């Protein structure tokens, strides 16, 4: 998971690139989500680009300035052939 700090705004979109094709049924708001530091979930729109093998996580409400958030990618995101991520990915970020 990489972040490009240059393009951060209150509504920036995370793009998570995978090396293999994913099972689209596992790409959803239960398996990928953003929370505040106290685990309050944010409303997001999840899109999967099967050609380029990336997921976009777009907030449906703006991030608060100077607030920290967590991006969660659970092990329930599976490849086209049913393989799971070895570990959940949690990335802290601040706007």
Protein backbone atom coordinates (compact mmCIF):
# COMPACT_ATOMS: atom_id res chain seq x y z
CA UNK A 1 0.00 0.00 0.00
CA UNK A 2 1.47 3.32 -1.04
CA UNK A 3 0.25 6.81 -0.44
CA UNK A 4 1.08 9.89 -2.43
CA UNK A 5 1.09 12.79 0.03
CA UNK A 6 1.25 15.34 -2.76
CA UNK A 7 -2.40 14.81 -3.71
CA UNK A 8 -3.99 14.77 -0.24
CA UNK A 9 -7.21 16.72 0.06
CA UNK A 10 -10.26 16.30 2.26
CA UNK A 11 -11.63 13.80 -0.25
CA UNK A 12 -8.57 12.00 -1.58
CA UNK A 13 -8.97 8.47 -2.89
CA UNK A 14 -6.79 5.58 -1.77
CA UNK A 15 -5.59 3.29 -4.57
CA UNK A 16 -4.41 -0.14 -3.43
CA UNK A 17 -2.56 -2.13 -6.09
CA UNK A 18 -2.49 -5.94 -6.03
CA UNK A 19 -0.15 -8.27 -7.90
CA UNK A 20 -2.91 -10.76 -8.74
CA UNK A 21 -6.54 -10.60 -9.83
CA UNK A 22 -9.08 -10.47 -7.00
CA UNK A 23 -12.41 -12.11 -6.37
CA UNK A 24 -14.73 -9.08 -6.86
CA UNK A 25 -17.23 -10.49 -4.33
CA UNK A 26 -14.62 -9.97 -1.58
CA UNK A 27 -13.98 -6.31 -2.49
CA UNK A 28 -16.53 -4.52 -0.30
CA UNK A 29 -17.01 -2.16 2.67
CA UNK A 30 -16.75 -5.03 5.17
CA UNK A 31 -13.32 -6.11 3.95
CA UNK A 32 -11.85 -2.66 3.15
CA UNK A 33 -12.77 0.34 5.23
CA UNK A 34 -11.60 3.56 6.85
CA UNK A 35 -12.13 4.44 10.51
CA UNK A 36 -11.25 7.25 12.85
CA UNK A 37 -8.68 6.46 15.53
CA UNK A 38 -11.51 5.52 17.91
CA UNK A 39 -12.79 2.96 15.34
CA UNK A 40 -15.77 5.00 14.08
CA UNK A 41 -16.28 3.91 10.44
CA UNK A 42 -16.44 6.44 7.61
CA UNK A 43 -18.77 6.06 4.66
CA UNK A 44 -16.76 5.03 1.60
CA UNK A 45 -17.26 3.91 -1.96
CA UNK A 46 -15.17 0.88 -2.96
CA UNK A 47 -14.29 0.29 -6.62
CA UNK A 48 -12.29 -2.56 -8.13
CA UNK A 49 -10.46 -2.19 -11.45
CA UNK A 50 -9.97 -5.80 -12.59
CA UNK A 51 -7.86 -4.83 -15.61
CA UNK A 52 -5.24 -2.92 -13.60
CA UNK A 53 -5.76 -4.96 -10.39
CA UNK A 54 -6.31 -2.11 -7.97
CA UNK A 55 -8.97 -1.07 -5.50
CA UNK A 56 -9.99 2.53 -4.91
CA UNK A 57 -11.38 3.61 -1.55
CA UNK A 58 -13.19 6.94 -1.90
CA UNK A 59 -14.63 8.77 1.12
CA UNK A 60 -18.27 9.81 0.84
CA UNK A 61 -17.71 12.37 3.59
CA UNK A 62 -14.64 14.64 3.78
CA UNK A 63 -11.78 13.81 6.10
CA UNK A 64 -11.37 16.26 8.97
CA UNK A 65 -8.20 18.36 8.86
CA UNK A 66 -5.59 17.38 11.49
CA UNK A 67 -7.51 14.18 12.28
CA UNK A 68 -5.87 10.75 12.10
CA UNK A 69 -7.56 7.83 10.36
CA UNK A 70 -6.93 4.15 9.75
CA UNK A 71 -7.23 2.38 6.42
CA UNK A 72 -8.04 -1.31 6.96
CA UNK A 73 -7.57 -4.09 4.39
CA UNK A 74 -8.66 -7.37 5.97
CA UNK A 75 -7.57 -10.88 5.13
CA UNK A 76 -11.08 -11.47 3.75
CA UNK A 77 -9.99 -9.80 0.50
CA UNK A 78 -9.24 -12.84 -1.64
CA UNK A 79 -7.61 -13.51 -4.96
CA UNK A 80 -9.54 -14.89 -7.91
CA UNK A 81 -8.36 -18.35 -6.78
CA UNK A 82 -9.31 -17.94 -3.10
CA UNK A 83 -5.95 -16.96 -1.60
CA UNK A 84 -6.09 -14.54 1.34
CA UNK A 85 -3.64 -11.86 2.36
CA UNK A 86 -1.23 -13.31 4.95
CA UNK A 87 -1.93 -10.42 7.36
CA UNK A 88 -4.45 -7.64 7.73
CA UNK A 89 -3.06 -4.29 6.62
CA UNK A 90 -3.78 -1.24 8.78
CA UNK A 91 -2.32 2.05 7.70
CA UNK A 92 -2.58 5.19 9.80
CA UNK A 93 -2.79 8.50 7.98
CA UNK A 94 -3.47 12.12 8.81
CA UNK A 95 -5.03 14.77 6.59
